[in-house]
Amino acid sequence: MTETNAPSPAADPSLPHQLYRTALVSGRKTLRFTFTPNEAERAAIAASLDLIDLPEFTFKGELSPMGRVDVVLRADLTALVVQPCSVTLAPVRSRLADSTERRYQHDYVDPDADELEIPSEDTEPLPESIDVAAVAVEALALALPLYPRARGAEFGEAAFAAPGIEPLKSETLKPFAGLAGLADKLKKSNEPEV
């Protein structure tokens, strides 16, 4: 197993890297890997994803040959993240577990803009090296809760207005709230009297 920590030129130099040459995998044996960033690397990842903290993060999987030259990456992500609450900004801890699969094809061709459709699987051109750390960070970003909420945190109603003007509230802005009463009134006026 060969791995290097040299950053790829297109990658963010502040984030950790764990590169594997695809020539060691394609057409040969499966290569197993584990990416477990140290404290400083987790801090860099947390900063890049606007997290308060990233106490635990592991990305464990394998690079397997697919056919003669293509490669498939399969990995499981586990992490403990601390994000700001979307309502109060209080710290919210979440335990994450997710799986990732990516296919790297030697003869990959980008679809034309006219033919562009969402593929059923993640397929990319086969690079010279695969940075499993970059894949791990992207998988973590996709697994994060979109709107973390602290216990008991609720969205309140904000009411703003210029001085001397009463602020509008949601119940006064419901344009159809009075229609039910009006419909009943019209119904009663159209009924024949007995």
Protein backbone atom coordinates (compact mmCIF):
# COMPACT_ATOMS: atom_id res chain seq x y z
CA MET A 1 0.00 0.00 0.00
CA THR A 2 1.46 3.32 -1.04
CA GLU A 3 0.17 6.57 0.30
CA THR A 4 1.49 10.08 0.34
CA ASN A 5 0.40 13.21 2.11
CA ALA A 6 1.50 15.56 -0.68
CA PRO A 7 -1.36 17.86 -1.72
CA SER A 8 -2.65 17.67 -5.25
CA PRO A 9 -2.26 20.97 -7.13
CA ALA A 10 -5.99 21.63 -7.50
CA ALA A 11 -6.81 20.80 -3.88
CA ASP A 12 -7.13 23.13 -0.90
CA PRO A 13 -3.67 23.16 0.75
CA SER A 14 -5.13 23.87 4.22
CA LEU A 15 -6.98 20.53 4.27
CA PRO A 16 -5.39 17.11 4.84
CA HIS A 17 -4.62 14.79 1.93
CA GLN A 18 -4.25 11.04 1.57
CA LEU A 19 -3.44 10.10 -2.02
CA TYR A 20 -3.40 6.66 -3.64
CA ARG A 21 -2.09 6.06 -7.16
CA THR A 22 -4.78 4.48 -9.29
CA ALA A 23 -2.17 2.42 -11.18
CA LEU A 24 -1.74 0.37 -8.00
CA VAL A 25 -5.43 -0.57 -8.06
CA SER A 26 -6.77 -0.70 -11.63
CA GLY A 27 -6.73 -4.30 -12.91
CA ARG A 28 -5.12 -5.54 -9.68
CA LYS A 29 -6.07 -6.18 -6.07
CA THR A 30 -8.33 -4.18 -3.77
CA LEU A 31 -6.55 -1.57 -1.69
CA ARG A 32 -8.03 -0.89 1.77
CA PHE A 33 -7.65 2.50 3.44
CA THR A 34 -8.59 4.37 6.61
CA PHE A 35 -8.57 8.15 6.82
CA THR A 36 -8.61 9.31 10.44
CA PRO A 37 -7.46 12.94 10.63
CA ASN A 38 -5.55 14.13 13.69
CA GLU A 39 -6.74 17.02 15.88
CA ALA A 40 -5.16 19.76 13.75
CA GLU A 41 -6.54 18.23 10.54
CA ARG A 42 -10.02 17.90 12.08
CA ALA A 43 -9.81 21.59 13.11
CA ALA A 44 -8.97 22.55 9.49
CA ILE A 45 -11.88 20.46 8.18
CA ALA A 46 -14.24 21.95 10.79
CA ALA A 47 -13.20 25.48 9.78
CA SER A 48 -13.75 24.73 6.08
CA LEU A 49 -17.28 23.42 6.78
CA ASP A 50 -18.25 26.13 9.33
CA LEU A 51 -18.45 23.61 12.18
CA ILE A 52 -17.89 24.51 15.82
CA ASP A 53 -15.97 21.27 16.37
CA LEU A 54 -15.23 17.91 14.77
CA PRO A 55 -14.26 15.65 17.70
CA GLU A 56 -14.38 12.38 15.70
CA PHE A 57 -14.04 11.59 12.01
CA THR A 58 -13.19 8.32 10.26
CA PHE A 59 -13.53 7.41 6.60
CA LYS A 60 -12.78 3.73 6.04
CA GLY A 61 -13.10 1.81 2.80
CA GLU A 62 -11.46 0.35 -0.24
CA LEU A 63 -10.38 1.13 -3.76
CA SER A 64 -11.24 -1.83 -5.98
CA PRO A 65 -10.54 -2.62 -9.62
CA MET A 66 -13.57 -2.51 -11.89
CA GLY A 67 -12.77 -4.18 -15.19
CA ARG A 68 -9.24 -3.80 -16.53
CA VAL A 69 -8.54 -0.12 -15.83
CA ASP A 70 -11.45 1.47 -13.93
CA VAL A 71 -11.59 1.90 -10.14
CA VAL A 72 -14.46 2.05 -7.64
CA LEU A 73 -14.20 3.66 -4.20
CA ARG A 74 -16.52 2.41 -1.45
CA ALA A 75 -16.25 3.81 2.06
CA ASP A 76 -18.13 4.28 5.31
CA LEU A 77 -18.03 7.60 7.13
CA THR A 78 -18.53 7.99 10.88
CA ALA A 79 -18.24 11.35 12.61
CA LEU A 80 -19.24 13.38 15.61
CA VAL A 81 -19.88 16.99 14.61
CA VAL A 82 -20.80 20.12 16.54
CA GLN A 83 -22.73 22.71 14.51
CA PRO A 84 -24.40 25.99 15.47
CA CYS A 85 -28.17 25.69 16.00
CA SER A 86 -30.03 27.19 13.04
CA VAL A 87 -32.29 29.08 15.48
CA THR A 88 -30.22 30.01 18.55
CA LEU A 89 -26.61 29.37 17.39
CA ALA A 90 -26.14 27.13 20.46
CA PRO A 91 -23.84 24.11 19.84
CA VAL A 92 -25.66 21.04 18.49
CA ARG A 93 -23.88 17.65 18.55
CA SER A 94 -24.75 15.10 15.87
CA ARG A 95 -23.42 11.60 15.31
CA LEU A 96 -23.22 10.79 11.59
CA ALA A 97 -22.88 7.52 9.68
CA ASP A 98 -23.01 7.38 5.90
CA SER A 99 -21.73 5.36 2.93
CA THR A 100 -20.10 6.63 -0.23
CA GLU A 101 -19.45 5.03 -3.60
CA ARG A 102 -17.59 6.63 -6.50
CA ARG A 103 -16.65 5.15 -9.84
CA TYR A 104 -13.59 6.35 -11.74
CA GLN A 105 -13.56 5.50 -15.47
CA HIS A 106 -10.53 5.61 -17.72
CA ASP A 107 -12.61 6.38 -20.82
CA TYR A 108 -15.03 8.79 -19.11
CA VAL A 109 -16.50 11.46 -21.42
CA ASP A 110 -18.30 14.54 -20.08
CA PRO A 111 -21.86 14.61 -21.45
CA ASP A 112 -22.82 17.47 -23.76
CA ALA A 113 -24.82 20.27 -22.14
CA ASP A 114 -27.84 19.29 -24.29
CA GLU A 115 -27.62 15.68 -23.09
CA LEU A 116 -26.90 16.47 -19.47
CA GLU A 117 -28.87 14.38 -17.02
CA ILE A 118 -28.29 13.37 -13.44
CA PRO A 119 -26.43 10.05 -13.40
CA SER A 120 -27.65 7.25 -11.15
CA GLU A 121 -24.14 6.84 -9.75
CA ASP A 122 -21.18 9.10 -9.07
CA THR A 123 -18.84 8.57 -12.02
CA GLU A 124 -15.75 10.65 -12.68
CA PRO A 125 -12.70 10.53 -14.94
CA LEU A 126 -9.94 8.25 -13.63
CA PRO A 127 -7.22 10.49 -12.14
CA GLU A 128 -3.58 9.55 -11.66
CA SER A 129 -4.18 9.62 -7.87
CA ILE A 130 -7.32 9.54 -5.75
CA ASP A 131 -7.32 11.77 -2.68
CA VAL A 132 -9.50 9.83 -0.23
CA ALA A 133 -9.24 12.70 2.27
CA ALA A 134 -10.86 15.08 -0.24
CA VAL A 135 -13.61 12.50 -0.94
CA ALA A 136 -14.07 12.10 2.84
CA VAL A 137 -14.47 15.85 3.42
CA GLU A 138 -16.98 16.09 0.56
CA ALA A 139 -18.92 13.09 1.93
CA LEU A 140 -18.96 14.71 5.38
CA ALA A 141 -20.26 17.99 3.92
CA LEU A 142 -23.10 16.10 2.20
CA ALA A 143 -23.97 14.15 5.38
CA LEU A 144 -24.24 17.21 7.66
CA PRO A 145 -27.72 18.11 8.94
CA LEU A 146 -28.94 21.14 6.97
CA TYR A 147 -30.77 22.84 9.84
CA PRO A 148 -29.44 21.56 13.17
CA ARG A 149 -31.67 22.56 16.05
CA ALA A 150 -30.89 22.62 19.78
CA ARG A 151 -33.39 21.00 22.15
CA GLY A 152 -36.30 23.31 22.81
CA ALA A 153 -35.26 25.80 20.12
CA GLU A 154 -38.26 27.08 18.18
CA PHE A 155 -38.65 29.62 15.45
CA GLY A 156 -40.35 32.68 16.88
CA GLU A 157 -42.14 35.38 15.01
CA ALA A 158 -40.05 38.43 14.25
CA ALA A 159 -41.97 41.68 13.85
CA PHE A 160 -40.20 44.79 12.63
CA ALA A 161 -41.55 48.23 11.79
CA ALA A 162 -40.48 51.83 11.70
CA PRO A 163 -40.95 53.83 14.92
CA GLY A 164 -44.61 54.74 15.46
CA ILE A 165 -45.96 52.06 13.10
CA GLU A 166 -47.51 48.84 14.37
CA PRO A 167 -45.61 45.84 12.96
CA LEU A 168 -47.45 43.36 10.77
CA LYS A 169 -47.92 39.90 12.23
CA SER A 170 -48.48 36.62 10.42
CA GLU A 171 -52.16 36.38 11.42
CA THR A 172 -52.85 39.79 9.86
CA LEU A 173 -51.11 38.76 6.65
CA LYS A 174 -53.27 35.69 5.96
CA PRO A 175 -55.28 36.85 2.93
CA PHE A 176 -57.63 33.86 2.88
CA ALA A 177 -58.37 33.69 6.62
CA GLY A 178 -61.71 35.55 6.27
CA LEU A 179 -62.87 33.66 3.17
CA ALA A 180 -64.34 30.73 5.14
CA GLY A 181 -66.64 33.12 7.04
CA LEU A 182 -67.58 34.92 3.83
CA ALA A 183 -68.36 31.61 2.09
CA ASP A 184 -70.65 30.60 4.97
CA LYS A 185 -72.39 33.99 4.82
CA LEU A 186 -72.94 33.68 1.04
CA LYS A 187 -74.18 30.13 1.41
CA LYS A 188 -76.75 31.17 4.03
CA SER A 189 -77.98 34.10 1.92
CA ASN A 190 -78.54 31.80 -1.12
CA GLU A 191 -80.54 29.21 0.85
CA PRO A 192 -84.31 29.44 0.49
CA GLU A 193 -86.17 30.34 3.65
CA VAL A 194 -88.52 27.69 5.02
